[in-house]
Protein backbone atom coordinates (compact mmCIF):
# COMPACT_ATOMS: atom_id res chain seq x y z
CA MET A 1 142.40 3.01 165.62
CA THR A 2 145.38 1.91 163.42
CA SER A 3 148.79 3.49 163.05
CA GLN A 4 148.85 2.83 159.28
CA PRO A 5 147.79 6.39 158.30
CA PHE A 6 150.67 7.79 160.34
CA ARG A 7 153.14 5.47 158.60
CA THR A 8 151.78 6.55 155.24
CA ARG A 9 152.17 10.22 155.99
CA LEU A 10 155.57 9.54 157.50
CA ALA A 11 156.83 7.76 154.40
CA ALA A 12 155.91 10.76 152.29
CA SER A 13 157.53 13.21 154.70
CA VAL A 14 160.78 11.25 155.04
CA LEU A 15 161.02 10.80 151.28
CA ALA A 16 160.64 14.55 150.99
CA VAL A 17 163.44 14.98 153.51
CA LEU A 18 165.62 12.57 151.57
CA ALA A 19 165.01 14.53 148.38
CA THR A 20 166.32 17.67 150.07
CA VAL A 21 169.47 16.10 151.47
CA SER A 22 170.54 13.63 148.83
CA THR A 23 171.65 14.50 145.33
CA VAL A 24 171.47 10.86 144.23
CA PRO A 25 168.84 10.43 141.51
CA PRO A 26 166.57 7.40 141.83
CA ALA A 27 166.98 4.64 139.29
CA SER A 28 163.64 5.50 137.71
CA ALA A 29 164.85 9.03 137.02
CA GLN A 30 167.94 7.62 135.35
CA GLN A 31 165.80 5.35 133.19
CA ARG A 32 163.62 8.29 132.15
CA GLY A 33 166.77 9.98 130.98
CA LEU A 34 169.08 12.35 132.80
CA PRO A 35 170.60 15.01 130.53
CA ILE A 36 173.76 12.96 130.06
CA VAL A 37 176.70 14.25 128.01
CA ARG A 38 178.42 11.53 125.99
CA ASP A 39 181.83 12.47 124.64
CA THR A 40 184.90 10.27 124.26
CA GLU A 41 187.42 13.03 124.92
CA ILE A 42 185.83 14.14 128.19
CA GLU A 43 185.03 10.62 129.39
CA ASN A 44 188.59 9.44 128.77
CA LEU A 45 189.94 12.41 130.71
CA LEU A 46 187.69 11.68 133.70
CA ARG A 47 188.61 7.99 133.60
CA ASP A 48 192.26 8.96 133.74
CA TYR A 49 191.50 11.17 136.73
CA ALA A 50 189.52 8.42 138.46
CA ARG A 51 191.77 5.43 137.77
CA PRO A 52 194.45 6.05 140.45
CA LEU A 53 191.78 7.04 142.99
CA PHE A 54 189.76 3.89 142.37
CA ARG A 55 192.91 1.79 142.58
CA VAL A 56 194.04 3.05 146.00
CA ALA A 57 190.45 3.02 147.30
CA GLY A 58 189.93 -0.56 146.13
CA VAL A 59 186.78 0.23 144.16
CA GLY A 60 188.07 -0.34 140.63
CA GLY A 61 186.48 -2.53 138.01
CA SER A 62 184.36 -2.29 134.92
CA GLN A 63 181.26 -1.46 136.98
CA THR A 64 182.77 1.75 138.37
CA ASN A 65 182.61 4.63 135.94
CA VAL A 66 182.12 8.37 135.59
CA VAL A 67 179.16 10.04 133.86
CA VAL A 68 178.88 13.70 132.81
CA ILE A 69 175.58 15.52 133.42
CA ASN A 70 174.55 18.53 131.35
CA ASP A 71 174.07 20.80 134.34
CA ARG A 72 175.90 24.08 134.83
CA ALA A 73 175.87 23.85 138.65
CA PHE A 74 179.11 22.92 140.42
CA ASN A 75 178.19 19.48 141.70
CA ALA A 76 179.08 15.80 141.67
CA PHE A 77 177.37 12.82 143.29
CA VAL A 78 177.33 9.06 143.49
CA ALA A 79 174.56 6.70 142.37
CA ASN A 80 174.17 2.94 142.69
CA GLY A 81 177.38 2.81 144.70
CA ARG A 82 179.42 2.38 141.52
CA ARG A 83 178.88 5.45 139.39
CA ILE A 84 180.16 8.99 139.86
CA PHE A 85 178.08 11.68 138.19
CA VAL A 86 179.97 14.91 137.49
CA ASN A 87 178.11 18.02 136.39
CA ALA A 88 179.47 19.84 133.35
CA GLY A 89 179.65 22.90 135.59
CA ALA A 90 182.13 21.18 137.90
CA ILE A 91 184.43 20.48 134.95
CA ILE A 92 184.10 23.97 133.49
CA ASP A 93 184.64 25.74 136.82
CA SER A 94 187.56 23.56 137.93
CA ARG A 95 190.49 25.79 137.04
CA THR A 96 193.04 22.99 137.33
CA PRO A 97 192.91 19.21 136.94
CA ASN A 98 193.80 18.91 140.61
CA GLU A 99 190.63 20.74 141.66
CA LEU A 100 188.42 18.33 139.75
CA ILE A 101 190.44 15.35 140.92
CA GLY A 102 189.79 16.48 144.50
CA VAL A 103 186.04 16.49 143.83
CA MET A 104 186.26 12.99 142.37
CA ALA A 105 188.36 11.81 145.31
CA HIS A 106 185.57 12.94 147.64
CA GLU A 107 182.97 10.99 145.66
CA THR A 108 185.26 7.97 145.61
CA GLY A 109 185.18 8.18 149.40
CA HIS A 110 181.40 7.78 149.28
CA ILE A 111 181.73 4.68 147.09
CA ALA A 112 184.46 3.07 149.21
CA GLY A 113 182.58 3.88 152.40
CA GLY A 114 179.35 2.31 151.19
CA HIS A 115 177.59 5.54 152.09
CA LEU A 116 174.57 5.04 149.85
CA ALA A 117 173.63 1.76 151.51
CA ARG A 118 174.25 3.24 154.93
CA LEU A 119 172.20 6.32 154.04
CA ARG A 120 169.25 4.06 153.29
CA GLU A 121 169.69 2.53 156.75
CA ALA A 122 169.78 6.03 158.23
CA VAL A 123 166.55 6.87 156.45
CA GLU A 124 164.94 3.79 157.98
CA ARG A 125 166.11 4.88 161.44
CA ALA A 126 164.76 8.37 160.77
CA GLN A 127 161.43 6.85 159.79
CA ILE A 128 161.27 5.04 163.13
CA LEU A 129 162.02 8.26 165.01
CA ALA A 130 159.34 10.11 163.08
CA VAL A 131 156.79 7.34 163.65
CA ILE A 132 157.42 7.45 167.40
CA GLY A 133 157.11 11.22 167.45
CA MET A 134 153.94 11.26 165.39
CA LEU A 135 152.29 8.49 167.41
CA ALA A 136 153.18 10.30 170.61
CA GLY A 137 151.69 13.46 169.16
CA ALA A 138 148.54 11.62 168.16
CA GLY A 139 148.23 10.27 171.68
CA ALA A 140 148.60 13.77 173.08
CA VAL A 141 145.88 15.06 170.77
CA ALA A 142 143.55 12.24 171.81
CA ALA A 143 144.23 12.94 175.49
CA GLY A 144 143.56 16.62 175.01
CA ALA A 145 140.29 15.93 173.22
CA ALA A 146 139.15 13.51 175.93
CA SER A 147 139.90 16.00 178.71
CA GLY A 148 138.16 18.81 176.85
CA ARG A 149 141.14 21.19 177.12
CA GLY A 150 140.62 24.30 175.13
CA ALA A 151 142.60 27.39 174.36
CA GLY A 152 146.19 27.27 175.51
CA GLY A 153 145.95 23.53 176.10
CA ILE A 154 147.31 20.50 174.36
CA GLY A 155 144.85 20.87 171.50
CA GLU A 156 146.50 24.08 170.33
CA ALA A 157 149.93 22.55 170.72
CA ALA A 158 148.96 19.50 168.66
CA PRO A 159 150.45 20.64 165.31
CA GLY A 160 153.81 21.22 166.93
CA VAL A 161 153.69 17.89 168.74
CA LEU A 162 152.72 16.04 165.56
CA THR A 163 155.53 17.56 163.55
CA GLY A 164 158.09 17.22 166.33
CA GLY A 165 158.86 13.62 165.37
CA GLN A 166 159.44 14.60 161.76
CA HIS A 167 161.72 17.46 162.87
CA ILE A 168 163.75 15.07 165.03
CA ALA A 169 163.97 12.63 162.11
CA MET A 170 165.14 15.35 159.76
CA ARG A 171 167.82 16.61 162.14
CA SER A 172 168.99 13.05 162.78
CA LEU A 173 169.21 12.29 159.07
CA LEU A 174 171.00 15.56 158.28
CA SER A 175 173.45 15.02 161.11
CA TYR A 176 174.19 11.56 159.78
CA GLN A 177 174.77 12.87 156.26
CA ARG A 178 177.07 15.64 157.48
CA GLY A 179 179.12 12.96 159.17
CA GLU A 180 179.31 10.95 155.95
CA GLU A 181 180.40 14.03 154.01
CA ALA A 182 183.15 14.74 156.51
CA ALA A 183 184.26 11.09 156.32
CA ALA A 184 184.40 11.30 152.52
CA ASP A 185 186.54 14.45 152.80
CA ARG A 186 189.02 12.66 155.04
CA ALA A 187 189.05 9.60 152.79
CA ALA A 188 189.71 11.83 149.78
CA ILE A 189 192.82 13.25 151.43
CA GLY A 190 194.04 9.71 152.01
CA TYR A 191 193.43 8.65 148.39
CA LEU A 192 195.20 11.72 147.03
CA ASN A 193 198.20 11.09 149.30
CA ALA A 194 198.31 7.39 148.45
CA SER A 195 198.24 8.13 144.72
CA GLY A 196 200.95 10.79 144.99
CA GLN A 197 198.64 13.71 144.26
CA SER A 198 198.07 17.02 145.98
CA ALA A 199 194.97 17.87 148.01
CA LYS A 200 195.58 21.57 147.43
CA GLY A 201 192.96 21.73 144.69
CA MET A 202 190.38 20.24 147.03
CA VAL A 203 191.13 22.92 149.65
CA GLU A 204 190.97 25.67 147.04
CA THR A 205 187.63 24.38 145.74
CA PHE A 206 186.07 24.47 149.20
CA ARG A 207 187.55 27.90 149.88
CA ARG A 208 186.02 29.22 146.65
CA LEU A 209 182.67 27.72 147.59
CA GLN A 210 183.03 29.34 151.02
CA GLU A 211 183.48 32.74 149.38
CA GLN A 212 180.52 32.21 147.07
CA THR A 213 178.17 31.12 149.86
CA MET A 214 179.42 33.40 152.64
CA PHE A 215 176.18 35.38 153.02
CA ALA A 216 173.90 32.35 152.78
CA ALA A 217 176.02 30.46 155.29
CA ARG A 218 175.58 33.23 157.87
CA GLN A 219 171.80 32.84 157.58
CA ALA A 220 171.76 29.03 157.65
CA ASP A 221 171.06 26.79 160.62
CA PRO A 222 174.17 24.55 160.69
CA TYR A 223 172.06 21.70 162.06
CA MET A 224 169.61 21.83 159.13
CA VAL A 225 171.99 21.40 156.19
CA SER A 226 173.15 18.18 154.57
CA HIS A 227 176.84 19.12 154.21
CA PRO A 228 179.31 20.69 156.61
CA MET A 229 179.68 24.43 156.12
CA PRO A 230 182.43 25.24 153.57
CA ALA A 231 184.41 27.16 156.22
CA ASP A 232 184.31 24.12 158.51
CA ARG A 233 185.38 21.85 155.67
CA VAL A 234 188.36 24.07 154.89
CA ALA A 235 189.32 24.16 158.55
CA ASN A 236 189.09 20.38 158.83
CA ILE A 237 190.92 19.34 155.68
CA GLU A 238 193.53 22.06 155.18
CA PRO A 239 195.87 20.86 157.99
CA LEU A 240 195.65 17.29 156.66
CA ALA A 241 196.28 18.45 153.11
CA LYS A 242 199.27 20.60 154.05
CA ALA A 243 200.80 17.76 156.03
CA SER A 244 201.18 15.74 152.83
CA PRO A 245 204.57 15.71 151.05
CA HIS A 246 202.60 16.06 147.80
CA TYR A 247 200.80 19.27 148.76
CA ASN A 248 202.81 21.48 146.39
CA ALA A 249 202.81 19.01 143.50
CA VAL A 250 201.54 20.54 140.27
CA ASP A 251 199.65 19.05 137.35
CA PRO A 252 201.83 18.09 134.36
CA PRO A 253 201.45 20.41 131.34
CA ASP A 254 199.88 17.79 129.08
CA ARG A 255 197.19 17.10 131.67
CA VAL A 256 196.51 20.82 132.04
CA MET A 257 196.09 21.12 128.27
CA ARG A 258 193.70 18.15 128.12
CA HIS A 259 191.73 19.61 131.01
CA ASN A 260 191.44 23.01 129.37
CA LEU A 261 190.44 21.49 126.03
CA ALA A 262 187.68 19.51 127.75
CA ARG A 263 186.45 22.66 129.50
CA ALA A 264 186.49 24.56 126.21
CA LYS A 265 184.58 21.79 124.47
CA LEU A 266 181.86 21.80 127.11
CA VAL A 267 181.59 25.59 127.02
CA GLY A 268 181.36 25.50 123.24
CA PHE A 269 178.58 22.94 123.22
CA ILE A 270 176.41 23.97 126.18
CA GLU A 271 176.80 27.74 126.63
CA ARG A 272 175.14 30.54 124.69
CA SER A 273 177.16 32.31 122.03
CA ASP A 274 177.65 35.47 124.10
CA ALA A 275 178.82 33.44 127.10
CA ILE A 276 181.36 31.61 124.92
CA THR A 277 182.70 34.92 123.63
CA ARG A 278 183.02 36.33 127.15
CA ARG A 279 184.99 33.32 128.33
CA TYR A 280 187.09 33.08 125.16
CA PRO A 281 187.34 36.55 123.60
CA PRO A 282 188.86 36.97 120.10
CA SER A 283 192.09 38.18 121.72
CA ASP A 284 192.61 34.71 123.26
CA ALA A 285 194.68 32.74 120.74
CA SER A 286 195.17 29.67 122.93
CA LEU A 287 194.30 26.24 121.59
CA PRO A 288 191.37 25.78 124.03
CA ALA A 289 189.94 29.16 122.98
CA ARG A 290 190.21 28.23 119.31
CA TYR A 291 188.51 24.90 120.08
CA ALA A 292 185.61 26.67 121.77
CA ARG A 293 185.28 29.15 118.91
CA THR A 294 185.25 26.33 116.35
CA ILE A 295 182.29 24.76 118.15
CA GLN A 296 180.68 28.17 118.58
CA MET A 297 180.94 28.78 114.82
CA PHE A 298 179.48 25.31 114.21
CA ARG A 299 176.50 25.97 116.47
CA PHE A 300 175.77 29.63 115.84
CA GLY A 301 177.62 30.76 112.73
CA ASP A 302 178.88 29.62 109.34
CA ARG A 303 179.45 25.87 109.31
CA ASN A 304 181.78 26.12 106.33
CA ARG A 305 183.89 28.51 108.38
CA ALA A 306 183.67 26.08 111.29
CA ALA A 307 185.18 23.32 109.15
CA ALA A 308 188.04 25.66 108.23
CA LEU A 309 188.63 26.44 111.91
CA ALA A 310 188.71 22.69 112.61
CA ASP A 311 191.43 22.36 109.95
CA GLU A 312 193.47 24.93 111.88
CA LEU A 313 193.09 22.84 115.03
CA ILE A 314 194.25 19.76 113.16
CA ARG A 315 197.32 21.59 111.89
CA SER A 316 198.15 22.44 115.51
CA GLN A 317 197.78 18.82 116.70
CA PRO A 318 197.62 16.45 113.70
CA ASN A 319 197.30 13.36 115.90
CA ASN A 320 194.52 14.62 118.14
CA PRO A 321 191.58 12.32 117.29
CA TYR A 322 189.03 14.73 118.71
CA PHE A 323 189.97 17.53 116.30
CA HIS A 324 189.37 15.12 113.42
CA GLU A 325 186.14 14.03 115.11
CA ILE A 326 184.81 17.60 115.39
CA LYS A 327 185.57 18.28 111.74
CA GLY A 328 183.77 15.07 110.76
CA GLN A 329 180.80 16.01 112.93
CA ILE A 330 180.61 19.47 111.37
CA LEU A 331 180.60 18.05 107.84
CA LEU A 332 178.15 15.26 108.68
CA GLU A 333 175.66 17.61 110.30
CA THR A 334 176.08 20.11 107.47
CA GLY A 335 174.78 17.46 105.07
CA LEU A 336 178.15 16.44 103.64
CA PRO A 337 178.57 12.86 104.92
CA ALA A 338 180.89 11.73 102.13
CA GLN A 339 183.24 14.62 102.89
CA ALA A 340 183.11 13.72 106.59
CA LEU A 341 184.44 10.20 106.00
CA PRO A 342 188.19 10.98 105.79
CA SER A 343 188.08 12.92 109.06
CA LEU A 344 186.04 10.29 110.88
CA ARG A 345 188.16 7.43 109.58
CA ARG A 346 191.24 9.27 110.78
CA ALA A 347 189.63 9.86 114.18
CA VAL A 348 188.81 6.15 114.48
CA SER A 349 192.36 5.18 113.54
CA LEU A 350 193.70 7.48 116.27
CA ALA A 351 191.10 6.41 118.89
CA PRO A 352 190.21 2.81 117.92
CA ASN A 353 188.59 2.06 121.28
CA SER A 354 185.98 4.80 120.97
CA GLY A 355 182.59 3.32 120.24
CA LEU A 356 181.05 6.78 120.01
CA ILE A 357 183.35 7.91 117.19
CA ARG A 358 182.76 4.63 115.34
CA ILE A 359 179.01 5.19 115.59
CA MET A 360 179.47 8.60 113.98
CA LEU A 361 181.55 7.00 111.22
CA GLY A 362 178.86 4.36 110.67
CA HIS A 363 176.24 7.10 110.55
CA ALA A 364 178.21 8.97 107.90
CA LEU A 365 178.66 5.81 105.83
CA VAL A 366 174.91 5.16 105.91
CA ALA A 367 174.09 8.81 105.21
CA THR A 368 176.10 8.84 101.96
CA GLY A 369 173.32 6.78 100.36
CA ASN A 370 176.00 4.69 98.66
CA ASN A 371 175.00 1.04 98.98
CA ALA A 372 178.58 0.00 98.29
CA MET A 373 179.43 1.36 101.74
CA LEU A 374 176.77 -0.57 103.64
CA ASP A 375 179.01 -3.51 104.52
CA GLU A 376 181.59 -1.13 106.00
CA ALA A 377 178.82 0.69 107.86
CA VAL A 378 177.51 -2.56 109.38
CA ARG A 379 181.03 -3.60 110.37
CA GLU A 380 181.82 -0.27 112.03
CA LEU A 381 178.48 -0.10 113.82
CA ARG A 382 178.76 -3.65 115.14
CA LEU A 383 182.26 -2.93 116.46
CA ALA A 384 180.99 0.27 118.02
CA LEU A 385 178.06 -1.41 119.75
CA GLN A 386 180.36 -3.96 121.35
CA ARG A 387 181.77 -1.02 123.31
CA GLU A 388 178.55 0.99 123.53
CA PRO A 389 175.85 -1.70 123.95
CA GLU A 390 173.23 0.84 125.11
CA ALA A 391 173.73 3.39 122.30
CA ALA A 392 170.28 3.70 120.73
CA ASP A 393 171.56 5.84 117.84
CA GLY A 394 174.02 3.13 116.87
CA TYR A 395 171.21 0.57 116.65
CA ARG A 396 169.09 3.03 114.63
CA GLN A 397 171.85 3.44 112.06
CA LEU A 398 172.40 -0.32 112.01
CA ALA A 399 168.69 -0.85 111.37
CA ILE A 400 168.82 1.54 108.41
CA ALA A 401 171.89 -0.21 106.99
CA TYR A 402 170.31 -3.66 107.29
CA GLY A 403 167.06 -2.37 105.83
CA ARG A 404 168.83 -1.08 102.75
CA LYS A 405 170.55 -4.47 102.47
CA ASN A 406 167.06 -6.06 102.52
CA ASP A 407 167.88 -8.02 105.68
CA ARG A 408 164.53 -7.49 107.39
CA GLY A 409 165.21 -9.74 110.36
CA GLN A 410 168.41 -7.98 111.40
CA ALA A 411 166.86 -4.57 110.62
CA ASP A 412 163.90 -5.25 112.90
CA LEU A 413 166.18 -6.66 115.61
CA ALA A 414 168.39 -3.56 115.52
CA ALA A 415 165.31 -1.31 115.63
CA ALA A 416 164.00 -3.32 118.60
CA GLN A 417 167.28 -2.79 120.45
CA ALA A 418 167.16 0.93 119.67
CA SER A 419 163.62 1.17 121.09
CA LEU A 420 164.65 -0.84 124.13
CA HIS A 421 167.47 1.56 124.99
CA GLU A 422 165.25 4.56 124.31
CA GLY A 423 162.82 3.23 126.93
CA ASP A 424 160.01 2.37 124.49
CA LEU A 425 159.48 -1.20 125.64
CA VAL A 426 156.16 -1.64 123.82
CA ALA A 427 157.77 -0.85 120.46
CA ALA A 428 160.83 -2.95 121.34
CA ARG A 429 158.68 -5.99 122.05
CA SER A 430 156.67 -5.55 118.85
CA LEU A 431 159.78 -5.19 116.71
CA ALA A 432 161.45 -8.16 118.41
CA ARG A 433 158.45 -10.38 117.62
CA ARG A 434 158.56 -9.19 114.02
CA ALA A 435 162.29 -9.91 113.86
CA GLN A 436 161.70 -13.46 115.07
CA GLY A 437 159.41 -14.01 112.09
CA SER A 438 162.33 -13.37 109.72
CA LEU A 439 165.21 -14.91 111.67
CA PRO A 440 166.00 -18.65 111.89
CA THR A 441 164.57 -20.12 115.08
CA GLY A 442 167.32 -20.56 117.65
CA SER A 443 169.82 -18.32 115.84
CA PRO A 444 171.74 -15.71 117.86
CA GLY A 445 169.52 -12.92 116.52
CA TRP A 446 166.32 -14.88 117.26
CA LEU A 447 167.53 -15.53 120.82
CA ARG A 448 168.38 -11.84 121.31
CA ALA A 449 164.85 -10.95 120.19
CA GLU A 450 163.52 -13.48 122.70
CA ASP A 451 165.60 -11.79 125.42
CA ILE A 452 163.97 -8.45 124.59
CA ILE A 453 160.49 -9.97 124.80
CA ALA A 454 161.35 -11.71 128.09
CA GLN A 455 162.72 -8.49 129.55
CA ARG A 456 159.40 -6.84 128.84
CA ARG A 457 157.55 -9.65 130.62
CA ASN A 458 159.90 -9.38 133.59
CA GLN A 459 159.31 -5.65 133.85
CA GLN A 460 155.56 -6.19 133.73
CA ASN A 461 155.88 -8.60 136.62
């Protein structure tokens, strides 16, 4: 008899355990496409929140960034040890910048502590525990069968014995993860103190979660959950938070406004019309409410009226690039690309480092159908893709522009890159080969096409 079948079943069971205790998506799930929200305004805000935390934690650098997920649940998590994923729901439900900064400080603690790598080690240890338990159970079953024990003997107890190892493994893994969560909480307090920020928002967030989960927490086995109970977290971190000289520090008004505009933008784009109205009733004349209603009108109402509402936003803050961006987007998606150009050009001039806004400008230039604008479109799209090298839509628009310029080699290369970043590697390889037939051998474009073909071979291997 071999122990291989037990290892096989164990691997499946421990992976199932890991799925229940870890919110980190596997790389393959990311490649298939998480519902990611891309928006310059929101991403810049989160980078500004993260920058001082990353600096004091020593985890800064171009490889550490923040990604927004289109999920209404209040959640954030770390993947690949260098990327914080923040649910849209966490942004919307964070009533102050400080609350969201506290969440991000906690996730920064996971990155700085190397918790993902250590969690994998914990899973391996849990697998060993489960293997031992299952093999012991199998031995007990065999002994019972050999002795001919019947009712009330070891044979009837066999299912419990066999699953005992898995239960031990699960409890061990969950205990380990609770410890990591508590460590991340403590680290977060330290990062907030070191960066001169209050941990009050973090305490308030956990207290709100405690209130929301009070009934469920009473029913839960504290040894079978992946995070400490919210009440325990409040009890553990509140004394540390209050001991800080920064505990009563408040967010500056400009940060509060940016935070509320980002929340309004997300609500406008992801909520239903009735939910938007409930959150921002007509009686609310604040700038964030007007922002949300502009987007609501764009999505559910009269787009001409939406453009007029965007003009009102611009009059309130003439130098806000994102108000010009939303007007340009409304006009572009209403089928008026030429009319969108002034707004998008103004947005780019106010936010020159935004690849996403430049892609929209390039799209509008292509969509005018005016061949005299193709050179500008190519220039803007190339600049944009230097900052957004994985933006499939940018490559699609570039392919259209090159195609209308009768540059087949560059058009096919851009289309190949679009397919590559959309995950269609078969199409990417085919288009790259076709591009090589039109491009000079050894030229930069030819070599890029060769890279795409080689990447396909590498993935096959």
